[in-house]
Amino acid sequence: MIRVILPYHLQTLAKCEREVTIQVEGAVTQQTVLDALEARYPMLRGTVREHVTKKRRPRVRYFADGEDVTHESPDAELPEAIASGRQPFMIVGAVAGG
């Protein structure tokens, strides 16, 4: 089981807790985690990434095992700590301004 931490606005939209668990078959990557998340919570489709292109939406960041993996390839395998469920995959809404 993969643990995913969601920001408050996505929790509200999905009517779920801050941390959810999902099942990923095969390699654990940003792509497969987000595919499984959207399959379990279809109301989140289009909120974290574009519907058609599957590109990350602006001001959304991803963290895995304490590291910002936002700009890594969506098909790169995530750390073993994420795949084993020891650490959560975090989706964070970035804040802009000064």
C-alpha atoms as a PDB file:
ATOM      1  CA  MET A   1       0.000   0.000   0.000  1.00  0.00           C
ATOM      2  CA  ILE A   2       1.184   3.483  -0.897  1.00  0.00           C
ATOM      3  CA  ARG A   3       0.442   6.300   1.521  1.00  0.00           C
ATOM      4  CA  VAL A   4      -0.469   9.681   0.018  1.00  0.00           C
ATOM      5  CA  ILE A   5      -0.815  12.975   1.913  1.00  0.00           C
ATOM      6  CA  LEU A   6      -3.248  15.423   0.322  1.00  0.00           C
ATOM      7  CA  PRO A   7      -3.560  19.186   0.828  1.00  0.00           C
ATOM      8  CA  TYR A   8      -6.706  20.396   2.564  1.00  0.00           C
ATOM      9  CA  HIS A   9      -8.572  21.536  -0.565  1.00  0.00           C
ATOM     10  CA  LEU A  10      -8.147  18.090  -2.183  1.00  0.00           C
ATOM     11  CA  GLN A  11      -9.239  16.360   1.032  1.00  0.00           C
ATOM     12  CA  THR A  12     -12.405  18.433   0.957  1.00  0.00           C
ATOM     13  CA  LEU A  13     -13.051  17.686  -2.711  1.00  0.00           C
ATOM     14  CA  ALA A  14     -12.476  13.931  -2.288  1.00  0.00           C
ATOM     15  CA  LYS A  15     -14.266  13.817   1.090  1.00  0.00           C
ATOM     16  CA  CYS A  16     -11.366  11.913   2.604  1.00  0.00           C
ATOM     17  CA  GLU A  17      -8.794  12.148   5.359  1.00  0.00           C
ATOM     18  CA  ARG A  18      -5.438  13.914   5.052  1.00  0.00           C
ATOM     19  CA  GLU A  19      -3.685  10.591   4.405  1.00  0.00           C
ATOM     20  CA  VAL A  20      -5.103   7.995   2.032  1.00  0.00           C
ATOM     21  CA  THR A  21      -3.765   4.632   0.940  1.00  0.00           C
ATOM     22  CA  ILE A  22      -3.778   3.298  -2.589  1.00  0.00           C
ATOM     23  CA  GLN A  23      -2.613   0.147  -4.324  1.00  0.00           C
ATOM     24  CA  VAL A  24      -0.126   0.452  -7.174  1.00  0.00           C
ATOM     25  CA  GLU A  25       0.632  -2.468  -9.459  1.00  0.00           C
ATOM     26  CA  GLY A  26       4.141  -2.677 -10.876  1.00  0.00           C
ATOM     27  CA  ALA A  27       6.682   0.113 -10.599  1.00  0.00           C
ATOM     28  CA  VAL A  28       5.920   2.886  -8.109  1.00  0.00           C
ATOM     29  CA  THR A  29       6.361   6.179  -9.951  1.00  0.00           C
ATOM     30  CA  GLN A  30       4.716   9.583  -9.800  1.00  0.00           C
ATOM     31  CA  GLN A  31       2.646   8.524 -12.798  1.00  0.00           C
ATOM     32  CA  THR A  32       1.416   5.227 -11.312  1.00  0.00           C
ATOM     33  CA  VAL A  33       0.718   6.791  -7.901  1.00  0.00           C
ATOM     34  CA  LEU A  34      -1.347   9.586  -9.460  1.00  0.00           C
ATOM     35  CA  ASP A  35      -3.125   7.129 -11.791  1.00  0.00           C
ATOM     36  CA  ALA A  36      -4.128   5.000  -8.785  1.00  0.00           C
ATOM     37  CA  LEU A  37      -5.138   8.070  -6.766  1.00  0.00           C
ATOM     38  CA  GLU A  38      -7.371   9.350  -9.580  1.00  0.00           C
ATOM     39  CA  ALA A  39      -8.871   5.875 -10.076  1.00  0.00           C
ATOM     40  CA  ARG A  40      -9.818   5.680  -6.391  1.00  0.00           C
ATOM     41  CA  TYR A  41     -10.923   9.318  -6.173  1.00  0.00           C
ATOM     42  CA  PRO A  42     -12.231  10.250  -9.647  1.00  0.00           C
ATOM     43  CA  MET A  43     -13.239  13.708  -8.431  1.00  0.00           C
ATOM     44  CA  LEU A  44      -9.511  14.537  -8.221  1.00  0.00           C
ATOM     45  CA  ARG A  45      -8.980  14.069 -11.968  1.00  0.00           C
ATOM     46  CA  GLY A  46      -7.747  17.317 -13.425  1.00  0.00           C
ATOM     47  CA  THR A  47      -6.869  18.869 -10.072  1.00  0.00           C
ATOM     48  CA  VAL A  48      -3.272  17.699  -9.677  1.00  0.00           C
ATOM     49  CA  ARG A  49      -2.449  17.271 -13.364  1.00  0.00           C
ATOM     50  CA  GLU A  50      -4.001  18.102 -16.713  1.00  0.00           C
ATOM     51  CA  HIS A  51      -6.713  15.736 -17.997  1.00  0.00           C
ATOM     52  CA  VAL A  52      -5.261  15.018 -21.422  1.00  0.00           C
ATOM     53  CA  THR A  53      -1.521  15.639 -21.165  1.00  0.00           C
ATOM     54  CA  LYS A  54      -1.163  14.348 -17.565  1.00  0.00           C
ATOM     55  CA  LYS A  55       1.305  17.210 -16.932  1.00  0.00           C
ATOM     56  CA  ARG A  56       1.544  18.562 -13.409  1.00  0.00           C
ATOM     57  CA  ARG A  57      -0.574  21.610 -12.767  1.00  0.00           C
ATOM     58  CA  PRO A  58       1.223  24.846 -11.855  1.00  0.00           C
ATOM     59  CA  ARG A  59       1.786  25.391  -8.133  1.00  0.00           C
ATOM     60  CA  VAL A  60       1.540  21.700  -7.290  1.00  0.00           C
ATOM     61  CA  ARG A  61       4.627  20.024  -5.811  1.00  0.00           C
ATOM     62  CA  TYR A  62       5.428  16.388  -5.034  1.00  0.00           C
ATOM     63  CA  PHE A  63       7.618  15.168  -2.180  1.00  0.00           C
ATOM     64  CA  ALA A  64       8.940  11.641  -1.654  1.00  0.00           C
ATOM     65  CA  ASP A  65      10.973  10.602   1.378  1.00  0.00           C
ATOM     66  CA  GLY A  66      11.638  14.230   2.299  1.00  0.00           C
ATOM     67  CA  GLU A  67      12.863  15.193  -1.181  1.00  0.00           C
ATOM     68  CA  ASP A  68      11.183  17.434  -3.739  1.00  0.00           C
ATOM     69  CA  VAL A  69      10.607  15.184  -6.773  1.00  0.00           C
ATOM     70  CA  THR A  70       8.372  17.636  -8.621  1.00  0.00           C
ATOM     71  CA  HIS A  71      10.692  18.096 -11.590  1.00  0.00           C
ATOM     72  CA  GLU A  72      11.877  14.501 -11.896  1.00  0.00           C
ATOM     73  CA  SER A  73      10.516  12.327 -14.673  1.00  0.00           C
ATOM     74  CA  PRO A  74       6.967  11.119 -13.932  1.00  0.00           C
ATOM     75  CA  ASP A  75       8.179   7.633 -14.902  1.00  0.00           C
ATOM     76  CA  ALA A  76      11.185   7.595 -12.537  1.00  0.00           C
ATOM     77  CA  GLU A  77      10.800   5.097  -9.721  1.00  0.00           C
ATOM     78  CA  LEU A  78      10.115   6.621  -6.326  1.00  0.00           C
ATOM     79  CA  PRO A  79      12.272   5.710  -3.299  1.00  0.00           C
ATOM     80  CA  GLU A  80      11.783   2.318  -1.643  1.00  0.00           C
ATOM     81  CA  ALA A  81      10.445   4.053   1.487  1.00  0.00           C
ATOM     82  CA  ILE A  82       7.447   5.221  -0.582  1.00  0.00           C
ATOM     83  CA  ALA A  83       6.955   1.869  -2.338  1.00  0.00           C
ATOM     84  CA  SER A  84       6.984   0.021   0.988  1.00  0.00           C
ATOM     85  CA  GLY A  85       4.610   2.468   2.675  1.00  0.00           C
ATOM     86  CA  ARG A  86       7.119   3.529   5.342  1.00  0.00           C
ATOM     87  CA  GLN A  87       6.966   7.133   4.126  1.00  0.00           C
ATOM     88  CA  PRO A  88       4.089   8.954   2.404  1.00  0.00           C
ATOM     89  CA  PHE A  89       4.086  10.514  -1.034  1.00  0.00           C
ATOM     90  CA  MET A  90       3.069  14.135  -0.455  1.00  0.00           C
ATOM     91  CA  ILE A  91       1.137  16.396  -2.790  1.00  0.00           C
ATOM     92  CA  VAL A  92       1.574  20.017  -1.750  1.00  0.00           C
ATOM     93  CA  GLY A  93      -0.057  23.156  -3.059  1.00  0.00           C
ATOM     94  CA  ALA A  94       2.764  25.673  -3.549  1.00  0.00           C
ATOM     95  CA  VAL A  95       2.258  29.262  -2.419  1.00  0.00           C
ATOM     96  CA  ALA A  96       3.410  32.158  -4.561  1.00  0.00           C
ATOM     97  CA  GLY A  97       4.067  35.690  -3.476  1.00  0.00           C
ATOM     98  CA  GLY A  98       6.592  37.743  -1.657  1.00  0.00           C
END
